N, C-alpha and C. Protein backbone atom coordinates (compact mmCIF):
# COMPACT_ATOMS: atom_id res chain seq x y z
N MET A 1 -13.50 -7.91 0.45
CA MET A 1 -12.49 -7.55 -0.53
C MET A 1 -13.09 -7.61 -1.92
N VAL A 2 -12.45 -6.93 -2.83
CA VAL A 2 -12.92 -6.92 -4.21
C VAL A 2 -11.95 -7.70 -5.08
N ALA A 3 -12.40 -8.06 -6.25
CA ALA A 3 -11.56 -8.71 -7.24
C ALA A 3 -11.19 -7.65 -8.28
N VAL A 4 -9.95 -7.74 -8.75
CA VAL A 4 -9.47 -6.83 -9.79
C VAL A 4 -9.08 -7.69 -10.99
N GLN A 5 -9.54 -7.29 -12.15
CA GLN A 5 -9.21 -8.02 -13.37
C GLN A 5 -8.51 -7.07 -14.32
N ILE A 6 -7.43 -7.53 -14.90
CA ILE A 6 -6.70 -6.72 -15.88
C ILE A 6 -6.76 -7.45 -17.22
N ARG A 7 -7.27 -6.77 -18.21
CA ARG A 7 -7.42 -7.39 -19.53
C ARG A 7 -6.29 -6.97 -20.45
N ASP A 8 -6.10 -7.74 -21.48
CA ASP A 8 -5.16 -7.45 -22.56
C ASP A 8 -3.72 -7.31 -22.07
N VAL A 9 -3.32 -8.14 -21.11
CA VAL A 9 -1.94 -8.16 -20.65
C VAL A 9 -1.14 -8.94 -21.69
N PRO A 10 -0.08 -8.34 -22.24
CA PRO A 10 0.73 -9.06 -23.21
C PRO A 10 1.34 -10.33 -22.59
N ASP A 11 1.45 -11.38 -23.39
CA ASP A 11 2.00 -12.64 -22.91
C ASP A 11 3.39 -12.46 -22.30
N GLU A 12 4.21 -11.62 -22.92
CA GLU A 12 5.57 -11.42 -22.43
C GLU A 12 5.56 -10.83 -21.02
N VAL A 13 4.64 -9.90 -20.77
CA VAL A 13 4.54 -9.27 -19.45
C VAL A 13 4.10 -10.30 -18.43
N ARG A 14 3.10 -11.07 -18.76
CA ARG A 14 2.61 -12.11 -17.86
C ARG A 14 3.72 -13.11 -17.55
N ASP A 15 4.50 -13.50 -18.57
CA ASP A 15 5.57 -14.48 -18.37
C ASP A 15 6.66 -13.94 -17.43
N VAL A 16 7.03 -12.68 -17.61
CA VAL A 16 8.04 -12.08 -16.74
C VAL A 16 7.55 -12.03 -15.30
N LEU A 17 6.31 -11.60 -15.12
CA LEU A 17 5.75 -11.52 -13.77
C LEU A 17 5.63 -12.91 -13.13
N ALA A 18 5.23 -13.89 -13.92
CA ALA A 18 5.12 -15.26 -13.40
C ALA A 18 6.48 -15.79 -12.97
N ARG A 19 7.51 -15.50 -13.75
CA ARG A 19 8.87 -15.93 -13.38
C ARG A 19 9.33 -15.24 -12.10
N GLU A 20 9.06 -13.94 -11.99
CA GLU A 20 9.42 -13.20 -10.77
C GLU A 20 8.73 -13.81 -9.56
N ALA A 21 7.44 -14.08 -9.70
CA ALA A 21 6.68 -14.67 -8.60
C ALA A 21 7.29 -16.02 -8.20
N GLU A 22 7.59 -16.83 -9.19
CA GLU A 22 8.14 -18.16 -8.92
C GLU A 22 9.49 -18.06 -8.22
N GLN A 23 10.33 -17.13 -8.65
CA GLN A 23 11.64 -16.95 -8.02
C GLN A 23 11.52 -16.53 -6.57
N ARG A 24 10.44 -15.85 -6.24
CA ARG A 24 10.21 -15.40 -4.86
C ARG A 24 9.40 -16.42 -4.06
N GLY A 25 9.07 -17.53 -4.69
CA GLY A 25 8.30 -18.56 -4.00
C GLY A 25 6.85 -18.18 -3.75
N LYS A 26 6.30 -17.37 -4.66
CA LYS A 26 4.93 -16.90 -4.50
C LYS A 26 4.10 -17.29 -5.71
N SER A 27 2.80 -17.29 -5.50
CA SER A 27 1.91 -17.45 -6.65
C SER A 27 1.88 -16.12 -7.39
N LEU A 28 1.48 -16.16 -8.63
CA LEU A 28 1.37 -14.92 -9.40
C LEU A 28 0.38 -13.98 -8.74
N GLN A 29 -0.73 -14.50 -8.24
CA GLN A 29 -1.74 -13.67 -7.59
C GLN A 29 -1.17 -12.98 -6.36
N SER A 30 -0.48 -13.71 -5.49
CA SER A 30 0.05 -13.07 -4.28
C SER A 30 1.15 -12.07 -4.62
N PHE A 31 1.94 -12.35 -5.65
CA PHE A 31 2.98 -11.42 -6.09
C PHE A 31 2.35 -10.13 -6.60
N LEU A 32 1.32 -10.25 -7.42
CA LEU A 32 0.65 -9.06 -7.95
C LEU A 32 -0.05 -8.27 -6.84
N LEU A 33 -0.65 -8.96 -5.89
CA LEU A 33 -1.28 -8.28 -4.76
C LEU A 33 -0.23 -7.49 -3.98
N GLU A 34 0.94 -8.07 -3.79
CA GLU A 34 2.03 -7.38 -3.10
C GLU A 34 2.42 -6.09 -3.84
N ILE A 35 2.49 -6.17 -5.15
CA ILE A 35 2.82 -4.98 -5.95
C ILE A 35 1.73 -3.91 -5.79
N LEU A 36 0.48 -4.31 -5.86
CA LEU A 36 -0.63 -3.35 -5.70
C LEU A 36 -0.62 -2.70 -4.32
N GLU A 37 -0.37 -3.50 -3.29
CA GLU A 37 -0.32 -2.95 -1.93
C GLU A 37 0.83 -1.96 -1.78
N ARG A 38 1.98 -2.28 -2.36
CA ARG A 38 3.14 -1.38 -2.29
C ARG A 38 2.83 -0.06 -2.99
N GLU A 39 2.18 -0.12 -4.14
CA GLU A 39 1.80 1.10 -4.85
C GLU A 39 0.81 1.94 -4.05
N ALA A 40 -0.14 1.28 -3.40
CA ALA A 40 -1.12 2.00 -2.58
C ALA A 40 -0.43 2.69 -1.41
N ARG A 41 0.51 1.99 -0.76
CA ARG A 41 1.26 2.62 0.35
C ARG A 41 2.04 3.82 -0.16
N SER A 42 2.66 3.70 -1.31
CA SER A 42 3.43 4.81 -1.87
C SER A 42 2.54 6.00 -2.14
N ALA A 43 1.35 5.75 -2.65
CA ALA A 43 0.41 6.85 -2.93
C ALA A 43 0.02 7.55 -1.64
N ARG A 44 -0.26 6.76 -0.58
CA ARG A 44 -0.61 7.37 0.71
C ARG A 44 0.56 8.17 1.26
N ASN A 45 1.77 7.65 1.10
CA ASN A 45 2.95 8.37 1.58
C ASN A 45 3.14 9.69 0.83
N ARG A 46 2.94 9.66 -0.49
CA ARG A 46 3.07 10.89 -1.28
C ARG A 46 2.04 11.91 -0.83
N ALA A 47 0.82 11.46 -0.59
CA ALA A 47 -0.24 12.38 -0.14
C ALA A 47 0.11 12.98 1.21
N PHE A 48 0.67 12.17 2.11
CA PHE A 48 1.07 12.67 3.42
C PHE A 48 2.15 13.75 3.28
N VAL A 49 3.15 13.48 2.44
CA VAL A 49 4.24 14.45 2.25
C VAL A 49 3.70 15.75 1.66
N ILE A 50 2.80 15.65 0.71
CA ILE A 50 2.22 16.86 0.11
C ILE A 50 1.44 17.64 1.16
N ASP A 51 0.62 16.94 1.96
CA ASP A 51 -0.14 17.61 3.02
C ASP A 51 0.79 18.24 4.05
N PHE A 52 1.83 17.51 4.42
CA PHE A 52 2.78 18.01 5.42
C PHE A 52 3.48 19.26 4.90
N ALA A 53 3.90 19.24 3.64
CA ALA A 53 4.57 20.40 3.06
C ALA A 53 3.64 21.60 3.03
N ALA A 54 2.36 21.38 2.73
CA ALA A 54 1.40 22.47 2.69
C ALA A 54 1.22 23.09 4.07
N ILE A 55 1.12 22.25 5.09
CA ILE A 55 0.97 22.75 6.46
C ILE A 55 2.24 23.47 6.90
N ARG A 56 3.38 22.89 6.57
CA ARG A 56 4.66 23.47 6.98
C ARG A 56 4.84 24.86 6.39
N GLY A 57 4.36 25.05 5.16
CA GLY A 57 4.48 26.34 4.50
C GLY A 57 3.65 27.43 5.14
N THR A 58 2.71 27.07 6.01
CA THR A 58 1.87 28.08 6.66
C THR A 58 2.53 28.71 7.87
N GLY A 59 3.64 28.12 8.32
CA GLY A 59 4.32 28.63 9.50
C GLY A 59 3.72 28.11 10.80
N ARG A 60 2.69 27.27 10.71
CA ARG A 60 2.09 26.69 11.91
C ARG A 60 3.01 25.61 12.46
N GLU A 61 3.00 25.47 13.77
CA GLU A 61 3.74 24.39 14.41
C GLU A 61 2.96 23.10 14.24
N ILE A 62 3.68 22.02 14.05
CA ILE A 62 3.04 20.73 13.87
C ILE A 62 3.52 19.82 14.99
N SER A 63 2.58 19.22 15.66
CA SER A 63 2.91 18.28 16.72
C SER A 63 2.36 16.92 16.32
N ILE A 64 3.25 16.00 16.12
CA ILE A 64 2.84 14.65 15.71
C ILE A 64 3.33 13.66 16.76
N ASP A 65 2.42 12.86 17.27
CA ASP A 65 2.76 11.81 18.21
C ASP A 65 3.07 10.56 17.37
N VAL A 66 4.34 10.41 17.02
CA VAL A 66 4.75 9.34 16.10
C VAL A 66 4.38 7.95 16.62
N PRO A 67 4.68 7.60 17.88
CA PRO A 67 4.28 6.27 18.35
C PRO A 67 2.78 6.02 18.23
N GLU A 68 1.97 7.04 18.54
CA GLU A 68 0.52 6.90 18.43
C GLU A 68 0.10 6.72 16.97
N LEU A 69 0.72 7.47 16.07
CA LEU A 69 0.42 7.36 14.64
C LEU A 69 0.76 5.96 14.13
N ILE A 70 1.91 5.43 14.55
CA ILE A 70 2.30 4.07 14.15
C ILE A 70 1.31 3.06 14.69
N SER A 71 0.91 3.22 15.94
CA SER A 71 -0.05 2.31 16.56
C SER A 71 -1.39 2.33 15.81
N GLN A 72 -1.85 3.51 15.45
CA GLN A 72 -3.11 3.63 14.71
C GLN A 72 -3.01 2.94 13.35
N GLU A 73 -1.89 3.14 12.67
CA GLU A 73 -1.72 2.51 11.36
C GLU A 73 -1.65 0.99 11.47
N ARG A 74 -0.98 0.50 12.51
CA ARG A 74 -0.92 -0.96 12.71
C ARG A 74 -2.30 -1.52 12.99
N ASP A 75 -3.07 -0.82 13.84
CA ASP A 75 -4.43 -1.27 14.13
C ASP A 75 -5.29 -1.29 12.87
N ALA A 76 -5.15 -0.25 12.05
CA ALA A 76 -5.94 -0.18 10.80
C ALA A 76 -5.53 -1.30 9.85
N ARG A 77 -4.22 -1.55 9.74
CA ARG A 77 -3.74 -2.62 8.86
C ARG A 77 -4.25 -3.97 9.34
N GLU A 78 -4.17 -4.22 10.65
CA GLU A 78 -4.65 -5.47 11.20
C GLU A 78 -6.15 -5.64 10.94
N ALA A 79 -6.90 -4.57 11.09
CA ALA A 79 -8.35 -4.63 10.85
C ALA A 79 -8.62 -4.96 9.39
N ARG A 80 -7.84 -4.35 8.48
CA ARG A 80 -8.03 -4.65 7.04
C ARG A 80 -7.73 -6.11 6.76
N LEU A 81 -6.65 -6.62 7.34
CA LEU A 81 -6.26 -8.01 7.09
C LEU A 81 -7.26 -9.01 7.66
N LEU A 82 -7.82 -8.65 8.82
CA LEU A 82 -8.76 -9.55 9.47
C LEU A 82 -10.21 -9.30 9.05
N GLY A 83 -10.42 -8.19 8.33
CA GLY A 83 -11.77 -7.87 7.88
C GLY A 83 -12.66 -7.40 8.99
N THR A 84 -12.07 -6.77 10.02
CA THR A 84 -12.86 -6.25 11.14
C THR A 84 -12.78 -4.74 11.16
N PRO A 85 -13.73 -4.08 11.81
CA PRO A 85 -13.68 -2.62 11.90
C PRO A 85 -12.43 -2.17 12.67
N SER A 86 -11.81 -1.07 12.24
CA SER A 86 -10.64 -0.57 12.96
C SER A 86 -11.08 0.15 14.22
N LYS A 87 -10.13 0.25 15.17
CA LYS A 87 -10.43 0.86 16.48
C LYS A 87 -10.51 2.35 16.39
């Protein structure tokens, strides 16, 4: 994993985020990591929707095995969390 550092964060912003983290029973670091992960998921979802719309506009039929796709994503997530290669 990598470390991310954000400089020049205004005190007021840090204080609000620290209070939010405390209210959720989390450290500031784990709260911020949760926010970053949520943003990354949203970006991947947006990219998927854009790709799907582009394919759909071609008139081609799309066959998606949803259970298999979910299984692959779970395996990849587990591999990321455990730091092991995905299947």
